[in-house]
Amino acid sequence: MALVQVLSAEEIDPPFEGDLALEDAETGAIVEVTIDARAVEAYLERLNALVAALRAIAKRHRATYVRVSTTDPLLSAIRRFVSRSVD
């Protein structure tokens, strides 16, 4: 079993600020939001909780968990995956 989580650099370190209209990639729905430091902090807390949950699932099932940024070299990610890392 393997879990590979692929995140963009913007998901890992959100550069957003101010009033935005975001489009849901799955539904196409537009959501208007205001992004401030508190919103970014809350998002990062939820992301960290998700990562912790995925790591725990991987550990419980003796699986590989690799988190990959879209900016990471592919070879590095593959090496971590093949070595059965738990990032």
Protein backbone atom coordinates (compact mmCIF):
# COMPACT_ATOMS: atom_id res chain seq x y z
CA MET A 1 0.00 0.00 0.00
CA ALA A 2 1.22 3.47 -0.79
CA LEU A 3 -0.07 6.98 -0.22
CA VAL A 4 1.36 9.69 -2.43
CA GLN A 5 0.16 13.21 -1.70
CA VAL A 6 0.92 15.73 -4.43
CA LEU A 7 0.66 19.39 -3.46
CA SER A 8 1.47 22.54 -5.37
CA ALA A 9 3.83 25.09 -3.89
CA GLU A 10 0.80 27.36 -3.39
CA GLU A 11 -0.92 24.69 -1.31
CA ILE A 12 2.13 24.29 0.91
CA ASP A 13 2.83 28.02 1.31
CA PRO A 14 -0.24 30.00 0.20
CA PRO A 15 0.75 33.35 -1.35
CA PHE A 16 -2.83 34.62 -1.46
CA GLU A 17 -4.10 37.74 0.24
CA GLY A 18 -7.14 39.95 -0.04
CA ASP A 19 -10.50 39.42 -1.75
CA LEU A 20 -10.52 36.53 -4.22
CA ALA A 21 -12.99 34.61 -6.36
CA LEU A 22 -11.91 30.96 -6.35
CA GLU A 23 -13.21 28.28 -8.70
CA ASP A 24 -13.74 24.77 -7.38
CA ALA A 25 -11.80 22.55 -9.78
CA GLU A 26 -14.28 19.69 -9.39
CA THR A 27 -17.63 21.49 -9.52
CA GLY A 28 -16.80 24.77 -11.26
CA ALA A 29 -18.55 26.68 -8.47
CA ILE A 30 -17.17 30.14 -7.74
CA VAL A 31 -16.62 31.03 -4.10
CA GLU A 32 -15.72 34.56 -3.02
CA VAL A 33 -13.37 34.69 -0.04
CA THR A 34 -11.22 37.14 1.86
CA ILE A 35 -7.78 35.79 2.67
CA ASP A 36 -5.89 37.26 5.60
CA ALA A 37 -3.17 35.95 7.91
CA ARG A 38 -5.74 34.20 10.14
CA ALA A 39 -7.31 32.41 7.18
CA VAL A 40 -3.91 31.21 5.97
CA GLU A 41 -3.03 30.03 9.48
CA ALA A 42 -6.31 28.12 9.79
CA TYR A 43 -5.76 26.53 6.37
CA LEU A 44 -2.22 25.44 7.30
CA GLU A 45 -3.48 23.93 10.56
CA ARG A 46 -6.04 21.87 8.62
CA LEU A 47 -3.42 20.84 6.07
CA ASN A 48 -1.03 19.75 8.83
CA ALA A 49 -3.83 17.74 10.46
CA LEU A 50 -4.53 16.01 7.14
CA VAL A 51 -0.83 15.19 6.69
CA ALA A 52 -0.66 13.79 10.23
CA ALA A 53 -3.74 11.64 9.56
CA LEU A 54 -2.26 10.30 6.32
CA ARG A 55 1.03 9.51 8.07
CA ALA A 56 -0.86 7.68 10.83
CA ILE A 57 -2.83 5.65 8.28
CA ALA A 58 0.38 4.74 6.47
CA LYS A 59 2.07 3.73 9.72
CA ARG A 60 -0.92 1.68 10.87
CA HIS A 61 -1.00 -0.21 7.56
CA ARG A 62 2.79 -0.41 7.18
CA ALA A 63 2.46 1.60 4.00
CA THR A 64 4.59 4.16 2.26
CA TYR A 65 3.53 7.79 2.59
CA VAL A 66 5.31 10.34 0.43
CA ARG A 67 4.34 13.99 0.17
CA VAL A 68 5.52 15.54 -3.07
CA SER A 69 5.52 19.15 -4.12
CA THR A 70 4.99 19.89 -7.79
CA THR A 71 8.30 21.77 -7.56
CA ASP A 72 10.24 18.72 -6.25
CA PRO A 73 12.49 16.90 -8.69
CA LEU A 74 10.67 13.77 -9.82
CA LEU A 75 13.68 11.53 -9.22
CA SER A 76 13.82 12.56 -5.55
CA ALA A 77 10.15 11.70 -5.08
CA ILE A 78 10.57 8.35 -6.80
CA ARG A 79 13.56 7.48 -4.61
CA ARG A 80 11.58 8.25 -1.46
CA PHE A 81 8.67 6.19 -2.76
CA VAL A 82 10.84 3.20 -3.70
CA SER A 83 12.63 3.29 -0.34
CA ARG A 84 9.20 3.07 1.32
CA SER A 85 9.63 6.36 3.13
CA VAL A 86 7.20 7.89 5.53
CA ASP A 87 7.74 11.62 4.98
